[in-house]
Amino acid sequence: MTARWVVDEVAPHRDLNIVWQPISLLEKNQPDEDSDYFAPVSRTHGYLRVMESLRAAEGDDAVFPLYWEYGRRIHHDKELIFEPADALKAIGAEEAHAAAFEDESWDAVIKDRMGEGLALAGEDIGTPLIAFDNDDGEKVALFGPVITRVPPSEQSLQLWDGFIAVATVPGFWELKRTRTERPEFGERP
């Protein structure tokens, strides 16, 4: 939902240069192989490998269409298991990148890219994570915002501006309230 918020409502009105980075819940949470959590996060980790293969070949701009296709399949179509080649084909990318799904050599790239964000925001966070340069040119990051639906345009921009404001205040660490509703993904993008 945070990605939809940034792409659909914020980016058209703010000067953003978005670079999508991986966060592997397999790498971050290190679940036991016998847990119910292991299989799904292993699968999404494989999808990240494919994403990094595509990035290496075609650059940062190639990542977003694949990320968006993953989101459509997982959140809108409820297709949690799909062939990476099908997602690549859907966006017009070279299907050969699907071989990266099983290729552990991409794990170091994922870990390094993920580590950059975690070094800014801390290890005790998850996704989403937004990083940006503050007015002094220093990179700052915060976990969140976690939203269950994309607010209307005016509220979306207020939320963005507030997020940027609190993220740049020295000593600010956290805002939180208990989530009482599930995400509303809206129409399939």
N, C-alpha and C. Protein backbone atom coordinates (compact mmCIF):
# COMPACT_ATOMS: atom_id res chain seq x y z
N MET A 1 0.82 -1.19 0.00
CA MET A 1 0.00 0.00 0.00
C MET A 1 0.87 1.25 0.00
N THR A 2 1.98 1.18 0.70
CA THR A 2 2.87 2.34 0.72
C THR A 2 3.43 2.62 -0.67
N ALA A 3 3.77 1.58 -1.39
CA ALA A 3 4.27 1.77 -2.77
C ALA A 3 3.19 2.41 -3.65
N ARG A 4 1.96 1.93 -3.54
CA ARG A 4 0.87 2.52 -4.33
C ARG A 4 0.68 3.98 -3.96
N TRP A 5 0.75 4.29 -2.68
CA TRP A 5 0.60 5.66 -2.20
C TRP A 5 1.67 6.55 -2.81
N VAL A 6 2.94 6.11 -2.73
CA VAL A 6 4.04 6.92 -3.26
C VAL A 6 3.91 7.09 -4.78
N VAL A 7 3.65 6.01 -5.48
CA VAL A 7 3.60 6.05 -6.94
C VAL A 7 2.37 6.78 -7.45
N ASP A 8 1.20 6.45 -6.91
CA ASP A 8 -0.05 6.99 -7.44
C ASP A 8 -0.35 8.41 -6.99
N GLU A 9 -0.02 8.74 -5.75
CA GLU A 9 -0.47 10.02 -5.20
C GLU A 9 0.64 11.01 -4.87
N VAL A 10 1.82 10.53 -4.51
CA VAL A 10 2.87 11.44 -4.08
C VAL A 10 3.80 11.83 -5.24
N ALA A 11 4.34 10.84 -5.92
CA ALA A 11 5.33 11.12 -6.97
C ALA A 11 4.86 12.12 -8.02
N PRO A 12 3.61 12.09 -8.46
CA PRO A 12 3.20 13.08 -9.47
C PRO A 12 3.25 14.53 -8.98
N HIS A 13 3.32 14.72 -7.64
CA HIS A 13 3.26 16.08 -7.08
C HIS A 13 4.53 16.50 -6.34
N ARG A 14 5.46 15.59 -6.19
CA ARG A 14 6.71 15.88 -5.51
C ARG A 14 7.86 15.44 -6.42
N ASP A 15 8.98 16.10 -6.31
CA ASP A 15 10.13 15.79 -7.14
C ASP A 15 10.86 14.59 -6.55
N LEU A 16 10.44 13.38 -6.95
CA LEU A 16 11.01 12.17 -6.38
C LEU A 16 11.78 11.38 -7.43
N ASN A 17 12.92 10.90 -7.05
CA ASN A 17 13.68 9.95 -7.85
C ASN A 17 13.66 8.65 -7.07
N ILE A 18 12.78 7.75 -7.44
CA ILE A 18 12.56 6.53 -6.67
C ILE A 18 13.46 5.42 -7.17
N VAL A 19 14.19 4.81 -6.23
CA VAL A 19 15.00 3.63 -6.52
C VAL A 19 14.48 2.54 -5.58
N TRP A 20 13.89 1.50 -6.16
CA TRP A 20 13.32 0.41 -5.39
C TRP A 20 14.43 -0.53 -4.94
N GLN A 21 14.45 -0.83 -3.63
CA GLN A 21 15.47 -1.69 -3.05
C GLN A 21 14.81 -2.92 -2.43
N PRO A 22 15.54 -4.02 -2.36
CA PRO A 22 14.97 -5.24 -1.78
C PRO A 22 15.05 -5.25 -0.26
N ILE A 23 14.06 -5.85 0.34
CA ILE A 23 14.14 -6.26 1.74
C ILE A 23 13.68 -7.71 1.75
N SER A 24 14.58 -8.60 2.08
CA SER A 24 14.28 -10.02 2.11
C SER A 24 13.86 -10.41 3.52
N LEU A 25 12.62 -10.84 3.66
CA LEU A 25 12.16 -11.28 4.98
C LEU A 25 12.81 -12.61 5.36
N LEU A 26 13.27 -13.37 4.37
CA LEU A 26 14.03 -14.58 4.66
C LEU A 26 15.36 -14.21 5.31
N GLU A 27 16.06 -13.29 4.70
CA GLU A 27 17.35 -12.85 5.22
C GLU A 27 17.19 -12.11 6.56
N LYS A 28 16.21 -11.25 6.63
CA LYS A 28 16.02 -10.41 7.82
C LYS A 28 15.58 -11.22 9.03
N ASN A 29 14.59 -12.10 8.83
CA ASN A 29 13.98 -12.80 9.97
C ASN A 29 14.59 -14.17 10.25
N GLN A 30 15.35 -14.73 9.30
CA GLN A 30 16.02 -16.01 9.50
C GLN A 30 15.11 -17.08 10.12
N PRO A 31 13.96 -17.37 9.48
CA PRO A 31 13.04 -18.35 10.08
C PRO A 31 13.61 -19.78 10.01
N ASP A 32 13.18 -20.60 10.94
CA ASP A 32 13.56 -22.02 10.92
C ASP A 32 12.97 -22.67 9.67
N GLU A 33 13.72 -23.58 9.08
CA GLU A 33 13.26 -24.23 7.87
C GLU A 33 11.99 -25.03 8.06
N ASP A 34 11.70 -25.44 9.29
CA ASP A 34 10.49 -26.23 9.54
C ASP A 34 9.27 -25.35 9.91
N SER A 35 9.45 -24.04 9.91
CA SER A 35 8.33 -23.16 10.24
C SER A 35 7.43 -22.95 9.02
N ASP A 36 6.18 -22.62 9.27
CA ASP A 36 5.24 -22.32 8.17
C ASP A 36 5.65 -21.06 7.41
N TYR A 37 6.41 -20.21 8.03
CA TYR A 37 6.85 -18.94 7.46
C TYR A 37 7.97 -19.11 6.44
N PHE A 38 8.74 -20.20 6.57
CA PHE A 38 9.93 -20.37 5.76
C PHE A 38 9.63 -20.46 4.26
N ALA A 39 8.68 -21.27 3.86
CA ALA A 39 8.39 -21.47 2.43
C ALA A 39 7.97 -20.17 1.74
N PRO A 40 7.02 -19.40 2.31
CA PRO A 40 6.64 -18.17 1.61
C PRO A 40 7.76 -17.14 1.49
N VAL A 41 8.56 -16.97 2.56
CA VAL A 41 9.62 -15.97 2.47
C VAL A 41 10.79 -16.47 1.62
N SER A 42 10.96 -17.77 1.52
CA SER A 42 11.96 -18.31 0.60
C SER A 42 11.54 -18.03 -0.84
N ARG A 43 10.27 -18.17 -1.11
CA ARG A 43 9.75 -17.91 -2.46
C ARG A 43 9.94 -16.44 -2.81
N THR A 44 9.54 -15.54 -1.91
CA THR A 44 9.68 -14.11 -2.22
C THR A 44 11.16 -13.72 -2.31
N HIS A 45 12.00 -14.41 -1.58
CA HIS A 45 13.44 -14.16 -1.71
C HIS A 45 13.90 -14.52 -3.13
N GLY A 46 13.39 -15.61 -3.67
CA GLY A 46 13.70 -15.98 -5.04
C GLY A 46 13.24 -14.93 -6.03
N TYR A 47 12.07 -14.34 -5.78
CA TYR A 47 11.59 -13.26 -6.65
C TYR A 47 12.54 -12.06 -6.59
N LEU A 48 13.10 -11.80 -5.41
CA LEU A 48 14.08 -10.70 -5.28
C LEU A 48 15.34 -10.99 -6.08
N ARG A 49 15.75 -12.25 -6.11
CA ARG A 49 16.92 -12.61 -6.92
C ARG A 49 16.67 -12.26 -8.39
N VAL A 50 15.48 -12.59 -8.86
CA VAL A 50 15.12 -12.28 -10.25
C VAL A 50 15.15 -10.77 -10.47
N MET A 51 14.61 -10.03 -9.50
CA MET A 51 14.60 -8.57 -9.59
C MET A 51 16.02 -8.02 -9.68
N GLU A 52 16.93 -8.56 -8.90
CA GLU A 52 18.30 -8.06 -8.92
C GLU A 52 19.02 -8.46 -10.21
N SER A 53 18.69 -9.59 -10.76
CA SER A 53 19.24 -9.98 -12.06
C SER A 53 18.80 -8.99 -13.13
N LEU A 54 17.53 -8.63 -13.10
CA LEU A 54 17.00 -7.65 -14.05
C LEU A 54 17.67 -6.29 -13.85
N ARG A 55 17.83 -5.88 -12.60
CA ARG A 55 18.49 -4.60 -12.30
C ARG A 55 19.92 -4.58 -12.85
N ALA A 56 20.64 -5.67 -12.63
CA ALA A 56 22.03 -5.75 -13.08
C ALA A 56 22.14 -5.61 -14.60
N ALA A 57 21.17 -6.15 -15.30
CA ALA A 57 21.21 -6.12 -16.77
C ALA A 57 20.66 -4.82 -17.35
N GLU A 58 19.62 -4.26 -16.71
CA GLU A 58 18.91 -3.15 -17.33
C GLU A 58 18.83 -1.88 -16.50
N GLY A 59 19.35 -1.89 -15.28
CA GLY A 59 19.37 -0.69 -14.45
C GLY A 59 18.18 -0.58 -13.51
N ASP A 60 18.26 0.42 -12.64
CA ASP A 60 17.25 0.63 -11.60
C ASP A 60 15.83 0.82 -12.16
N ASP A 61 15.71 1.48 -13.29
CA ASP A 61 14.38 1.75 -13.84
C ASP A 61 13.64 0.48 -14.25
N ALA A 62 14.35 -0.60 -14.49
CA ALA A 62 13.72 -1.86 -14.89
C ALA A 62 13.07 -2.57 -13.71
N VAL A 63 13.45 -2.22 -12.49
CA VAL A 63 12.97 -2.92 -11.30
C VAL A 63 11.50 -2.65 -11.02
N PHE A 64 11.08 -1.40 -11.15
CA PHE A 64 9.71 -1.07 -10.75
C PHE A 64 8.65 -1.86 -11.51
N PRO A 65 8.71 -1.99 -12.82
CA PRO A 65 7.66 -2.77 -13.50
C PRO A 65 7.54 -4.20 -12.98
N LEU A 66 8.68 -4.82 -12.65
CA LEU A 66 8.63 -6.18 -12.12
C LEU A 66 8.06 -6.19 -10.70
N TYR A 67 8.48 -5.24 -9.90
CA TYR A 67 7.94 -5.11 -8.54
C TYR A 67 6.42 -4.94 -8.59
N TRP A 68 5.96 -4.11 -9.50
CA TRP A 68 4.52 -3.85 -9.66
C TRP A 68 3.80 -5.11 -10.11
N GLU A 69 4.41 -5.85 -11.02
CA GLU A 69 3.81 -7.10 -11.49
C GLU A 69 3.73 -8.11 -10.36
N TYR A 70 4.78 -8.20 -9.56
CA TYR A 70 4.73 -9.08 -8.38
C TYR A 70 3.55 -8.68 -7.48
N GLY A 71 3.40 -7.39 -7.22
CA GLY A 71 2.33 -6.91 -6.36
C GLY A 71 0.95 -7.24 -6.92
N ARG A 72 0.78 -7.07 -8.23
CA ARG A 72 -0.50 -7.43 -8.87
C ARG A 72 -0.82 -8.89 -8.65
N ARG A 73 0.15 -9.73 -8.89
CA ARG A 73 -0.07 -11.17 -8.77
C ARG A 73 -0.35 -11.57 -7.31
N ILE A 74 0.47 -11.08 -6.40
CA ILE A 74 0.36 -11.50 -5.00
C ILE A 74 -0.86 -10.89 -4.33
N HIS A 75 -1.04 -9.58 -4.44
CA HIS A 75 -2.09 -8.91 -3.66
C HIS A 75 -3.44 -8.85 -4.35
N HIS A 76 -3.45 -8.71 -5.65
CA HIS A 76 -4.73 -8.59 -6.36
C HIS A 76 -5.25 -9.94 -6.86
N ASP A 77 -4.35 -10.74 -7.41
CA ASP A 77 -4.77 -12.01 -7.97
C ASP A 77 -4.67 -13.16 -6.96
N LYS A 78 -4.10 -12.87 -5.79
CA LYS A 78 -3.91 -13.88 -4.73
C LYS A 78 -3.13 -15.08 -5.25
N GLU A 79 -2.22 -14.81 -6.17
CA GLU A 79 -1.37 -15.83 -6.77
C GLU A 79 -0.01 -15.77 -6.06
N LEU A 80 0.09 -16.47 -4.95
CA LEU A 80 1.30 -16.39 -4.15
C LEU A 80 2.46 -17.17 -4.75
N ILE A 81 2.13 -18.16 -5.55
CA ILE A 81 3.15 -18.97 -6.21
C ILE A 81 2.94 -18.84 -7.71
N PHE A 82 3.95 -18.32 -8.39
CA PHE A 82 3.90 -18.16 -9.84
C PHE A 82 5.30 -18.30 -10.40
N GLU A 83 5.37 -18.57 -11.66
CA GLU A 83 6.66 -18.71 -12.32
C GLU A 83 7.26 -17.33 -12.58
N PRO A 84 8.48 -17.10 -12.15
CA PRO A 84 9.11 -15.81 -12.40
C PRO A 84 9.14 -15.45 -13.89
N ALA A 85 9.30 -16.44 -14.75
CA ALA A 85 9.34 -16.17 -16.19
C ALA A 85 8.02 -15.57 -16.66
N ASP A 86 6.91 -15.98 -16.06
CA ASP A 86 5.61 -15.42 -16.44
C ASP A 86 5.51 -13.94 -16.06
N ALA A 87 6.04 -13.59 -14.89
CA ALA A 87 6.04 -12.18 -14.48
C ALA A 87 6.94 -11.36 -15.39
N LEU A 88 8.09 -11.89 -15.74
CA LEU A 88 9.00 -11.19 -16.64
C LEU A 88 8.35 -11.01 -18.01
N LYS A 89 7.71 -12.04 -18.50
CA LYS A 89 7.05 -11.96 -19.81
C LYS A 89 5.94 -10.91 -19.78
N ALA A 90 5.21 -10.84 -18.68
CA ALA A 90 4.11 -9.89 -18.56
C ALA A 90 4.57 -8.44 -18.67
N ILE A 91 5.81 -8.17 -18.29
CA ILE A 91 6.32 -6.78 -18.37
C ILE A 91 7.21 -6.57 -19.59
N GLY A 92 7.35 -7.61 -20.40
CA GLY A 92 8.17 -7.48 -21.60
C GLY A 92 9.65 -7.57 -21.34
N ALA A 93 10.04 -8.19 -20.23
CA ALA A 93 11.47 -8.33 -19.90
C ALA A 93 11.96 -9.70 -20.35
N GLU A 94 13.25 -9.83 -20.46
CA GLU A 94 13.88 -11.08 -20.88
C GLU A 94 13.60 -12.18 -19.85
N GLU A 95 12.98 -13.25 -20.30
CA GLU A 95 12.59 -14.35 -19.40
C GLU A 95 13.78 -15.11 -18.84
N ALA A 96 14.94 -14.95 -19.43
CA ALA A 96 16.15 -15.64 -18.95
C ALA A 96 16.50 -15.22 -17.51
N HIS A 97 16.04 -14.06 -17.07
CA HIS A 97 16.31 -13.62 -15.70
C HIS A 97 15.66 -14.54 -14.67
N ALA A 98 14.67 -15.33 -15.09
CA ALA A 98 14.00 -16.26 -14.19
C ALA A 98 14.97 -17.28 -13.60
N ALA A 99 16.07 -17.55 -14.28
CA ALA A 99 17.07 -18.49 -13.77
C ALA A 99 17.67 -18.01 -12.44
N ALA A 100 17.62 -16.72 -12.19
CA ALA A 100 18.17 -16.17 -10.95
C ALA A 100 17.38 -16.62 -9.73
N PHE A 101 16.14 -17.07 -9.92
CA PHE A 101 15.29 -17.48 -8.81
C PHE A 101 15.99 -18.49 -7.89
N GLU A 102 16.74 -19.41 -8.47
CA GLU A 102 17.45 -20.45 -7.69
C GLU A 102 18.93 -20.14 -7.50
N ASP A 103 19.38 -19.01 -7.99
CA ASP A 103 20.81 -18.68 -8.01
C ASP A 103 21.23 -17.92 -6.75
N GLU A 104 21.87 -18.63 -5.84
CA GLU A 104 22.28 -18.04 -4.56
C GLU A 104 23.32 -16.94 -4.70
N SER A 105 23.94 -16.81 -5.87
CA SER A 105 24.95 -15.76 -6.03
C SER A 105 24.32 -14.37 -5.93
N TRP A 106 23.01 -14.25 -6.09
CA TRP A 106 22.34 -12.96 -5.96
C TRP A 106 22.09 -12.57 -4.49
N ASP A 107 22.27 -13.51 -3.58
CA ASP A 107 21.97 -13.24 -2.17
C ASP A 107 22.85 -12.15 -1.58
N ALA A 108 24.10 -12.09 -1.99
CA ALA A 108 25.00 -11.05 -1.47
C ALA A 108 24.54 -9.67 -1.92
N VAL A 109 24.07 -9.56 -3.14
CA VAL A 109 23.57 -8.27 -3.64
C VAL A 109 22.34 -7.85 -2.85
N ILE A 110 21.43 -8.79 -2.64
CA ILE A 110 20.21 -8.49 -1.87
C ILE A 110 20.59 -8.05 -0.46
N LYS A 111 21.48 -8.80 0.17
CA LYS A 111 21.90 -8.49 1.55
C LYS A 111 22.56 -7.11 1.63
N ASP A 112 23.42 -6.79 0.67
CA ASP A 112 24.09 -5.49 0.66
C ASP A 112 23.09 -4.35 0.47
N ARG A 113 22.19 -4.48 -0.49
CA ARG A 113 21.20 -3.42 -0.74
C ARG A 113 20.27 -3.26 0.46
N MET A 114 19.84 -4.36 1.02
CA MET A 114 18.98 -4.31 2.19
C MET A 114 19.72 -3.70 3.37
N GLY A 115 20.98 -4.06 3.51
CA GLY A 115 21.79 -3.56 4.62
C GLY A 115 21.95 -2.05 4.60
N GLU A 116 22.00 -1.47 3.41
CA GLU A 116 22.10 0.00 3.33
C GLU A 116 20.91 0.67 4.00
N GLY A 117 19.71 0.17 3.74
CA GLY A 117 18.52 0.74 4.37
C GLY A 117 18.46 0.48 5.85
N LEU A 118 18.79 -0.75 6.24
CA LEU A 118 18.75 -1.09 7.67
C LEU A 118 19.80 -0.32 8.45
N ALA A 119 20.92 -0.01 7.83
CA ALA A 119 21.96 0.79 8.51
C ALA A 119 21.44 2.19 8.82
N LEU A 120 20.54 2.68 8.00
CA LEU A 120 19.97 4.01 8.22
C LEU A 120 18.83 4.00 9.24
N ALA A 121 17.99 2.96 9.19
CA ALA A 121 16.77 2.96 10.00
C ALA A 121 16.82 2.03 11.20
N GLY A 122 17.75 1.09 11.21
CA GLY A 122 17.86 0.16 12.33
C GLY A 122 17.43 -1.24 11.96
N GLU A 123 17.90 -2.19 12.72
CA GLU A 123 17.63 -3.60 12.45
C GLU A 123 16.25 -4.06 12.92
N ASP A 124 15.63 -3.33 13.83
CA ASP A 124 14.37 -3.78 14.41
C ASP A 124 13.15 -3.26 13.66
N ILE A 125 13.29 -3.11 12.35
CA ILE A 125 12.19 -2.64 11.51
C ILE A 125 11.97 -3.63 10.39
N GLY A 126 10.93 -3.37 9.63
CA GLY A 126 10.63 -4.23 8.49
C GLY A 126 10.42 -3.39 7.25
N THR A 127 9.37 -3.71 6.54
CA THR A 127 9.05 -3.01 5.33
C THR A 127 7.64 -2.43 5.46
N PRO A 128 7.41 -1.25 4.98
CA PRO A 128 8.20 -0.44 4.07
C PRO A 128 9.26 0.39 4.80
N LEU A 129 10.26 0.73 4.05
CA LEU A 129 11.34 1.58 4.53
C LEU A 129 11.57 2.64 3.46
N ILE A 130 11.54 3.90 3.86
CA ILE A 130 11.75 4.99 2.92
C ILE A 130 12.99 5.76 3.36
N ALA A 131 13.92 5.94 2.43
CA ALA A 131 15.14 6.70 2.67
C ALA A 131 15.20 7.86 1.69
N PHE A 132 15.77 8.96 2.14
CA PHE A 132 15.91 10.15 1.29
C PHE A 132 17.01 11.03 1.86
N ASP A 133 17.45 11.99 1.06
CA ASP A 133 18.44 12.95 1.53
C ASP A 133 17.74 14.12 2.20
N ASN A 134 18.19 14.48 3.41
CA ASN A 134 17.60 15.63 4.09
C ASN A 134 18.17 16.92 3.49
N ASP A 135 17.80 18.05 4.05
CA ASP A 135 18.23 19.35 3.51
C ASP A 135 19.75 19.54 3.56
N ASP A 136 20.43 18.81 4.46
CA ASP A 136 21.88 18.90 4.56
C ASP A 136 22.58 17.88 3.66
N GLY A 137 21.81 17.13 2.87
CA GLY A 137 22.38 16.13 1.98
C GLY A 137 22.72 14.82 2.66
N GLU A 138 22.28 14.65 3.91
CA GLU A 138 22.51 13.40 4.63
C GLU A 138 21.35 12.46 4.37
N LYS A 139 21.65 11.19 4.14
CA LYS A 139 20.60 10.21 3.93
C LYS A 139 19.98 9.84 5.27
N VAL A 140 18.65 9.88 5.33
CA VAL A 140 17.90 9.47 6.51
C VAL A 140 16.83 8.47 6.06
N ALA A 141 16.35 7.67 6.99
CA ALA A 141 15.33 6.68 6.65
C ALA A 141 14.45 6.40 7.85
N LEU A 142 13.23 6.02 7.54
CA LEU A 142 12.29 5.57 8.57
C LEU A 142 11.53 4.36 8.05
N PHE A 143 11.13 3.51 8.95
CA PHE A 143 10.19 2.45 8.65
C PHE A 143 8.81 3.09 8.53
N GLY A 144 8.09 2.71 7.50
CA GLY A 144 6.73 3.20 7.33
C GLY A 144 6.65 4.22 6.23
N PRO A 145 5.53 4.87 6.11
CA PRO A 145 4.33 4.62 6.90
C PRO A 145 3.63 3.35 6.46
N VAL A 146 3.07 2.66 7.43
CA VAL A 146 2.24 1.49 7.16
C VAL A 146 0.82 2.00 7.03
N ILE A 147 0.25 1.82 5.85
CA ILE A 147 -1.12 2.29 5.60
C ILE A 147 -1.95 1.14 5.05
N THR A 148 -3.24 1.18 5.29
CA THR A 148 -4.11 0.11 4.80
C THR A 148 -4.84 0.49 3.52
N ARG A 149 -4.77 1.75 3.15
CA ARG A 149 -5.36 2.21 1.88
C ARG A 149 -4.67 3.50 1.48
N VAL A 150 -4.74 3.82 0.21
CA VAL A 150 -4.13 5.05 -0.29
C VAL A 150 -5.09 6.20 0.01
N PRO A 151 -4.63 7.18 0.78
CA PRO A 151 -5.49 8.32 1.07
C PRO A 151 -5.77 9.15 -0.19
N PRO A 152 -6.85 9.93 -0.17
CA PRO A 152 -7.09 10.86 -1.28
C PRO A 152 -5.89 11.79 -1.46
N SER A 153 -5.79 12.39 -2.63
CA SER A 153 -4.60 13.17 -3.01
C SER A 153 -4.14 14.16 -1.95
N GLU A 154 -5.02 15.01 -1.47
CA GLU A 154 -4.61 16.03 -0.50
C GLU A 154 -4.07 15.40 0.78
N GLN A 155 -4.76 14.38 1.28
CA GLN A 155 -4.27 13.70 2.48
C GLN A 155 -2.97 12.95 2.21
N SER A 156 -2.84 12.40 1.02
CA SER A 156 -1.59 11.70 0.66
C SER A 156 -0.40 12.64 0.73
N LEU A 157 -0.57 13.85 0.22
CA LEU A 157 0.52 14.81 0.24
C LEU A 157 0.78 15.31 1.65
N GLN A 158 -0.27 15.47 2.45
CA GLN A 158 -0.07 15.84 3.86
C GLN A 158 0.71 14.75 4.59
N LEU A 159 0.34 13.50 4.33
CA LEU A 159 1.04 12.38 4.96
C LEU A 159 2.51 12.36 4.54
N TRP A 160 2.78 12.55 3.25
CA TRP A 160 4.16 12.58 2.77
C TRP A 160 4.95 13.71 3.44
N ASP A 161 4.39 14.90 3.41
CA ASP A 161 5.09 16.04 3.99
C ASP A 161 5.33 15.84 5.49
N GLY A 162 4.36 15.25 6.19
CA GLY A 162 4.53 14.97 7.61
C GLY A 162 5.59 13.90 7.84
N PHE A 163 5.60 12.90 6.98
CA PHE A 163 6.61 11.85 7.07
C PHE A 163 8.01 12.44 6.91
N ILE A 164 8.17 13.26 5.91
CA ILE A 164 9.47 13.90 5.67
C ILE A 164 9.84 14.78 6.86
N ALA A 165 8.87 15.51 7.39
CA ALA A 165 9.14 16.40 8.52
C ALA A 165 9.63 15.63 9.75
N VAL A 166 8.92 14.57 10.13
CA VAL A 166 9.33 13.84 11.34
C VAL A 166 10.64 13.09 11.12
N ALA A 167 10.87 12.62 9.91
CA ALA A 167 12.10 11.88 9.63
C ALA A 167 13.33 12.75 9.75
N THR A 168 13.18 14.04 9.61
CA THR A 168 14.34 14.93 9.65
C THR A 168 14.53 15.60 11.02
N VAL A 169 13.69 15.29 11.98
CA VAL A 169 13.83 15.85 13.32
C VAL A 169 14.80 14.98 14.13
N PRO A 170 15.94 15.53 14.54
CA PRO A 170 16.88 14.75 15.36
C PRO A 170 16.19 14.27 16.63
N GLY A 171 16.41 13.02 16.96
CA GLY A 171 15.83 12.46 18.17
C GLY A 171 14.46 11.84 17.97
N PHE A 172 13.83 12.03 16.80
CA PHE A 172 12.54 11.39 16.55
C PHE A 172 12.77 9.93 16.22
N TRP A 173 11.94 9.04 16.80
CA TRP A 173 12.12 7.62 16.56
C TRP A 173 10.89 6.89 16.08
N GLU A 174 9.71 7.16 16.65
CA GLU A 174 8.61 6.27 16.31
C GLU A 174 7.25 6.90 16.59
N LEU A 175 6.31 6.58 15.71
CA LEU A 175 4.89 6.80 15.91
C LEU A 175 4.22 5.45 15.69
N LYS A 176 3.19 5.11 16.44
CA LYS A 176 2.56 3.82 16.22
C LYS A 176 1.18 3.80 16.84
N ARG A 177 0.29 3.06 16.16
CA ARG A 177 -0.98 2.69 16.78
C ARG A 177 -1.34 1.31 16.27
N THR A 178 -2.17 0.62 16.99
CA THR A 178 -2.55 -0.73 16.63
C THR A 178 -3.39 -0.72 15.36
N ARG A 179 -3.03 -1.58 14.44
CA ARG A 179 -3.76 -1.70 13.18
C ARG A 179 -5.05 -2.46 13.43
N THR A 180 -6.16 -1.89 12.98
CA THR A 180 -7.47 -2.51 13.21
C THR A 180 -8.18 -2.87 11.91
N GLU A 181 -7.50 -2.76 10.79
CA GLU A 181 -8.12 -3.11 9.51
C GLU A 181 -7.08 -3.70 8.58
N ARG A 182 -7.54 -4.49 7.64
CA ARG A 182 -6.67 -5.11 6.65
C ARG A 182 -6.45 -4.15 5.49
N PRO A 183 -5.38 -4.36 4.74
CA PRO A 183 -5.14 -3.49 3.57
C PRO A 183 -6.28 -3.59 2.55
N GLU A 184 -6.57 -2.46 1.94
CA GLU A 184 -7.54 -2.38 0.86
C GLU A 184 -6.74 -2.05 -0.40
N PHE A 185 -6.47 -3.05 -1.21
CA PHE A 185 -5.56 -2.90 -2.34
C PHE A 185 -6.14 -2.13 -3.51
N GLY A 186 -7.43 -1.93 -3.54
CA GLY A 186 -8.03 -1.18 -4.64
C GLY A 186 -7.98 -1.98 -5.94
N GLU A 187 -8.20 -1.26 -7.03
CA GLU A 187 -8.20 -1.92 -8.33
C GLU A 187 -6.81 -2.39 -8.69
N ARG A 188 -6.76 -3.42 -9.49
CA ARG A 188 -5.49 -3.97 -9.98
C ARG A 188 -4.79 -2.94 -10.86
N PRO A 189 -3.57 -2.52 -10.48
CA PRO A 189 -2.87 -1.50 -11.31
C PRO A 189 -2.39 -2.09 -12.63
